[in-house]
Amino acid sequence: MSGDDAALANQSAHETYMRAAIEVAKRGMAAGEPPVGAVLVRDGEIVSSAHNSVISHLDTTAHAEIVAIREACASERKLNLDGCDLYSTVEPCPMCLAAGFYSGVRHVYFGASLADMQAITGQELTGCDLAAAEQLKQSSLLRDDCLALLESWRR
């Protein structure tokens, strides 16, 4: 297979997985959820798929990407999803990107940007204001006791 043929096949595979994420998003929208879908893929196989469930679960962390990562970790009975690629219909927010990073996701592919979603819905964050987020944190409390817990766990 020539380089051009391989690139075309790779693009076709990416589009196949994104279409799967779109179908999952449509199911979520039919259930009254925001139309965001995600699939996790490893070695050409879909490991898990999910749509946003923030409304039905009353859980602000139940983004499609997070739910797909949770399901994959549970079904594989491990925390590390090395070799998995994440496909999401909308650009993952900082929380979802962090979850992907911590779970070992290799690449993240997305369709619409957060700015696109903001322009249409007026309800989504277009980025994380880290300075504003820092204001949520208060001073350290009982640091020595908390450090002792960490030391105990390390042993």
C-alpha atoms as a PDB file:
ATOM      1  CA  MET A   1       0.000   0.000   0.000  1.00  0.00           C
ATOM      2  CA  SER A   2       1.428   3.369  -0.985  1.00  0.00           C
ATOM      3  CA  GLY A   3       1.713   6.255   1.453  1.00  0.00           C
ATOM      4  CA  ASP A   4      -1.288   7.952  -0.141  1.00  0.00           C
ATOM      5  CA  ASP A   5      -3.357   4.757   0.078  1.00  0.00           C
ATOM      6  CA  ALA A   6      -2.423   4.292   3.739  1.00  0.00           C
ATOM      7  CA  ALA A   7      -3.326   7.892   4.537  1.00  0.00           C
ATOM      8  CA  LEU A   8      -6.674   7.472   2.765  1.00  0.00           C
ATOM      9  CA  ALA A   9      -7.390   4.234   4.645  1.00  0.00           C
ATOM     10  CA  ASN A  10      -6.444   5.911   7.921  1.00  0.00           C
ATOM     11  CA  GLN A  11      -8.745   8.871   7.163  1.00  0.00           C
ATOM     12  CA  SER A  12     -11.545   6.449   6.319  1.00  0.00           C
ATOM     13  CA  ALA A  13     -11.053   4.640   9.644  1.00  0.00           C
ATOM     14  CA  HIS A  14     -11.126   7.930  11.561  1.00  0.00           C
ATOM     15  CA  GLU A  15     -14.352   8.886   9.792  1.00  0.00           C
ATOM     16  CA  THR A  16     -15.872   5.479  10.604  1.00  0.00           C
ATOM     17  CA  TYR A  17     -15.224   5.973  14.325  1.00  0.00           C
ATOM     18  CA  MET A  18     -16.484   9.559  14.255  1.00  0.00           C
ATOM     19  CA  ARG A  19     -19.674   8.361  12.530  1.00  0.00           C
ATOM     20  CA  ALA A  20     -20.081   5.847  15.363  1.00  0.00           C
ATOM     21  CA  ALA A  21     -19.733   8.708  17.863  1.00  0.00           C
ATOM     22  CA  ILE A  22     -22.337  10.696  15.910  1.00  0.00           C
ATOM     23  CA  GLU A  23     -24.792   7.784  16.112  1.00  0.00           C
ATOM     24  CA  VAL A  24     -24.246   7.546  19.866  1.00  0.00           C
ATOM     25  CA  ALA A  25     -24.804  11.330  20.145  1.00  0.00           C
ATOM     26  CA  LYS A  26     -28.094  10.985  18.241  1.00  0.00           C
ATOM     27  CA  ARG A  27     -29.259   8.349  20.747  1.00  0.00           C
ATOM     28  CA  GLY A  28     -28.368  10.698  23.576  1.00  0.00           C
ATOM     29  CA  MET A  29     -30.220  13.596  21.970  1.00  0.00           C
ATOM     30  CA  ALA A  30     -33.288  11.366  21.501  1.00  0.00           C
ATOM     31  CA  ALA A  31     -33.104  10.672  25.251  1.00  0.00           C
ATOM     32  CA  GLY A  32     -33.091  14.403  26.036  1.00  0.00           C
ATOM     33  CA  GLU A  33     -29.358  14.757  26.548  1.00  0.00           C
ATOM     34  CA  PRO A  34     -26.961  17.207  24.870  1.00  0.00           C
ATOM     35  CA  PRO A  35     -25.932  15.731  21.494  1.00  0.00           C
ATOM     36  CA  VAL A  36     -22.413  14.672  22.390  1.00  0.00           C
ATOM     37  CA  GLY A  37     -21.175  11.158  21.732  1.00  0.00           C
ATOM     38  CA  ALA A  38     -17.830   9.473  22.251  1.00  0.00           C
ATOM     39  CA  VAL A  39     -16.206   6.180  21.336  1.00  0.00           C
ATOM     40  CA  LEU A  40     -12.956   4.668  22.551  1.00  0.00           C
ATOM     41  CA  VAL A  41     -11.097   2.594  19.963  1.00  0.00           C
ATOM     42  CA  ARG A  42      -8.146   0.225  20.324  1.00  0.00           C
ATOM     43  CA  ASP A  43      -6.628  -1.747  17.465  1.00  0.00           C
ATOM     44  CA  GLY A  44      -9.568  -1.024  15.182  1.00  0.00           C
ATOM     45  CA  GLU A  45     -12.215  -2.157  17.663  1.00  0.00           C
ATOM     46  CA  ILE A  46     -14.632   0.019  19.620  1.00  0.00           C
ATOM     47  CA  VAL A  47     -13.905  -0.628  23.294  1.00  0.00           C
ATOM     48  CA  SER A  48     -16.728   1.539  24.642  1.00  0.00           C
ATOM     49  CA  SER A  49     -19.164   4.217  23.568  1.00  0.00           C
ATOM     50  CA  ALA A  50     -21.333   6.685  25.434  1.00  0.00           C
ATOM     51  CA  HIS A  51     -23.359   9.836  25.112  1.00  0.00           C
ATOM     52  CA  ASN A  52     -23.694  12.691  27.564  1.00  0.00           C
ATOM     53  CA  SER A  53     -25.788  11.657  30.570  1.00  0.00           C
ATOM     54  CA  VAL A  54     -25.594  14.821  32.655  1.00  0.00           C
ATOM     55  CA  ILE A  55     -29.356  15.339  32.708  1.00  0.00           C
ATOM     56  CA  SER A  56     -30.532  11.768  33.259  1.00  0.00           C
ATOM     57  CA  HIS A  57     -27.904  11.094  35.926  1.00  0.00           C
ATOM     58  CA  LEU A  58     -28.024  14.566  37.466  1.00  0.00           C
ATOM     59  CA  ASP A  59     -24.247  14.402  37.277  1.00  0.00           C
ATOM     60  CA  THR A  60     -22.247  17.307  35.886  1.00  0.00           C
ATOM     61  CA  THR A  61     -19.312  14.948  35.268  1.00  0.00           C
ATOM     62  CA  ALA A  62     -21.300  12.508  33.091  1.00  0.00           C
ATOM     63  CA  HIS A  63     -19.880  13.846  29.834  1.00  0.00           C
ATOM     64  CA  ALA A  64     -19.762  11.359  26.973  1.00  0.00           C
ATOM     65  CA  GLU A  65     -15.975  11.093  27.119  1.00  0.00           C
ATOM     66  CA  ILE A  66     -15.923  10.496  30.882  1.00  0.00           C
ATOM     67  CA  VAL A  67     -18.686   7.872  30.687  1.00  0.00           C
ATOM     68  CA  ALA A  68     -16.893   6.057  27.842  1.00  0.00           C
ATOM     69  CA  ILE A  69     -13.643   6.059  29.831  1.00  0.00           C
ATOM     70  CA  ARG A  70     -15.435   4.788  32.960  1.00  0.00           C
ATOM     71  CA  GLU A  71     -17.102   1.991  31.002  1.00  0.00           C
ATOM     72  CA  ALA A  72     -13.852   0.939  29.329  1.00  0.00           C
ATOM     73  CA  CYS A  73     -11.975   0.879  32.635  1.00  0.00           C
ATOM     74  CA  ALA A  74     -14.768  -1.134  34.256  1.00  0.00           C
ATOM     75  CA  SER A  75     -15.078  -3.650  31.416  1.00  0.00           C
ATOM     76  CA  GLU A  76     -11.311  -4.122  31.173  1.00  0.00           C
ATOM     77  CA  ARG A  77     -10.942  -4.044  34.958  1.00  0.00           C
ATOM     78  CA  LYS A  78      -7.972  -1.679  34.777  1.00  0.00           C
ATOM     79  CA  LEU A  79      -7.218   2.026  34.962  1.00  0.00           C
ATOM     80  CA  ASN A  80      -4.850   2.221  32.025  1.00  0.00           C
ATOM     81  CA  LEU A  81      -6.331   2.538  28.538  1.00  0.00           C
ATOM     82  CA  ASP A  82      -3.004   2.657  26.677  1.00  0.00           C
ATOM     83  CA  GLY A  83      -3.417   2.318  22.946  1.00  0.00           C
ATOM     84  CA  CYS A  84      -6.947   3.709  22.927  1.00  0.00           C
ATOM     85  CA  ASP A  85      -8.002   6.641  20.796  1.00  0.00           C
ATOM     86  CA  LEU A  86     -10.970   8.779  21.800  1.00  0.00           C
ATOM     87  CA  TYR A  87     -13.421  10.134  19.223  1.00  0.00           C
ATOM     88  CA  SER A  88     -15.895  12.771  20.364  1.00  0.00           C
ATOM     89  CA  THR A  89     -18.479  14.712  18.405  1.00  0.00           C
ATOM     90  CA  VAL A  90     -17.534  17.880  20.304  1.00  0.00           C
ATOM     91  CA  GLU A  91     -14.094  19.000  21.453  1.00  0.00           C
ATOM     92  CA  PRO A  92     -13.531  17.616  24.951  1.00  0.00           C
ATOM     93  CA  CYS A  93     -13.602  20.099  27.799  1.00  0.00           C
ATOM     94  CA  PRO A  94     -10.602  20.368  30.145  1.00  0.00           C
ATOM     95  CA  MET A  95     -12.142  17.822  32.554  1.00  0.00           C
ATOM     96  CA  CYS A  96     -12.534  15.253  29.773  1.00  0.00           C
ATOM     97  CA  LEU A  97      -9.064  15.916  28.383  1.00  0.00           C
ATOM     98  CA  ALA A  98      -7.606  15.393  31.851  1.00  0.00           C
ATOM     99  CA  ALA A  99      -9.533  12.122  32.205  1.00  0.00           C
ATOM    100  CA  GLY A 100      -8.159  10.995  28.858  1.00  0.00           C
ATOM    101  CA  PHE A 101      -4.647  11.943  29.878  1.00  0.00           C
ATOM    102  CA  TYR A 102      -4.845  10.191  33.255  1.00  0.00           C
ATOM    103  CA  SER A 103      -6.328   7.050  31.711  1.00  0.00           C
ATOM    104  CA  GLY A 104      -3.603   6.844  29.073  1.00  0.00           C
ATOM    105  CA  VAL A 105      -5.655   7.686  25.975  1.00  0.00           C
ATOM    106  CA  ARG A 106      -3.267   8.033  23.048  1.00  0.00           C
ATOM    107  CA  HIS A 107      -5.076  10.519  20.783  1.00  0.00           C
ATOM    108  CA  VAL A 108      -8.271  12.579  20.907  1.00  0.00           C
ATOM    109  CA  TYR A 109     -10.195  13.333  17.711  1.00  0.00           C
ATOM    110  CA  PHE A 110     -13.223  15.619  17.674  1.00  0.00           C
ATOM    111  CA  GLY A 111     -15.748  17.089  15.270  1.00  0.00           C
ATOM    112  CA  ALA A 112     -17.196  20.411  16.412  1.00  0.00           C
ATOM    113  CA  SER A 113     -15.173  22.725  18.631  1.00  0.00           C
ATOM    114  CA  LEU A 114     -16.266  24.020  22.024  1.00  0.00           C
ATOM    115  CA  ALA A 115     -16.545  27.440  20.374  1.00  0.00           C
ATOM    116  CA  ASP A 116     -18.939  25.926  17.802  1.00  0.00           C
ATOM    117  CA  MET A 117     -21.099  24.534  20.601  1.00  0.00           C
ATOM    118  CA  GLN A 118     -21.012  27.854  22.467  1.00  0.00           C
ATOM    119  CA  ALA A 119     -22.103  29.709  19.321  1.00  0.00           C
ATOM    120  CA  ILE A 120     -25.083  27.380  18.866  1.00  0.00           C
ATOM    121  CA  THR A 121     -26.185  26.739  22.445  1.00  0.00           C
ATOM    122  CA  GLY A 122     -24.696  29.636  24.382  1.00  0.00           C
ATOM    123  CA  GLN A 123     -24.285  27.188  27.256  1.00  0.00           C
ATOM    124  CA  GLU A 124     -20.894  25.543  26.982  1.00  0.00           C
ATOM    125  CA  LEU A 125     -17.525  26.672  28.220  1.00  0.00           C
ATOM    126  CA  THR A 126     -15.218  27.669  25.416  1.00  0.00           C
ATOM    127  CA  GLY A 127     -12.182  27.108  27.573  1.00  0.00           C
ATOM    128  CA  CYS A 128     -11.155  26.762  31.145  1.00  0.00           C
ATOM    129  CA  ASP A 129     -10.342  29.980  32.955  1.00  0.00           C
ATOM    130  CA  LEU A 130      -7.600  28.578  35.156  1.00  0.00           C
ATOM    131  CA  ALA A 131      -7.353  31.799  37.175  1.00  0.00           C
ATOM    132  CA  ALA A 132     -11.062  31.596  37.996  1.00  0.00           C
ATOM    133  CA  ALA A 133     -10.760  27.899  38.800  1.00  0.00           C
ATOM    134  CA  GLU A 134      -7.856  28.628  41.151  1.00  0.00           C
ATOM    135  CA  GLN A 135     -10.155  30.913  43.149  1.00  0.00           C
ATOM    136  CA  LEU A 136     -12.220  27.853  44.105  1.00  0.00           C
ATOM    137  CA  LYS A 137      -9.326  26.491  46.145  1.00  0.00           C
ATOM    138  CA  GLN A 138      -8.943  27.559  49.733  1.00  0.00           C
ATOM    139  CA  SER A 139      -5.978  27.168  52.040  1.00  0.00           C
ATOM    140  CA  SER A 140      -4.485  23.826  52.935  1.00  0.00           C
ATOM    141  CA  LEU A 141      -6.057  22.210  56.012  1.00  0.00           C
ATOM    142  CA  LEU A 142      -4.502  19.502  58.189  1.00  0.00           C
ATOM    143  CA  ARG A 143      -1.677  19.089  55.688  1.00  0.00           C
ATOM    144  CA  ASP A 144       0.442  16.904  57.966  1.00  0.00           C
ATOM    145  CA  ASP A 145      -2.446  14.490  58.553  1.00  0.00           C
ATOM    146  CA  CYS A 146      -3.129  14.324  54.829  1.00  0.00           C
ATOM    147  CA  LEU A 147       0.548  13.770  54.060  1.00  0.00           C
ATOM    148  CA  ALA A 148       0.573  10.939  56.613  1.00  0.00           C
ATOM    149  CA  LEU A 149      -2.264   9.268  54.682  1.00  0.00           C
ATOM    150  CA  LEU A 150      -0.278   9.506  51.468  1.00  0.00           C
ATOM    151  CA  GLU A 151       2.835   8.103  53.133  1.00  0.00           C
ATOM    152  CA  SER A 152       0.826   5.239  54.604  1.00  0.00           C
ATOM    153  CA  TRP A 153      -0.676   4.444  51.202  1.00  0.00           C
ATOM    154  CA  ARG A 154       2.746   4.515  49.521  1.00  0.00           C
ATOM    155  CA  ARG A 155       4.011   1.820  51.921  1.00  0.00           C
END
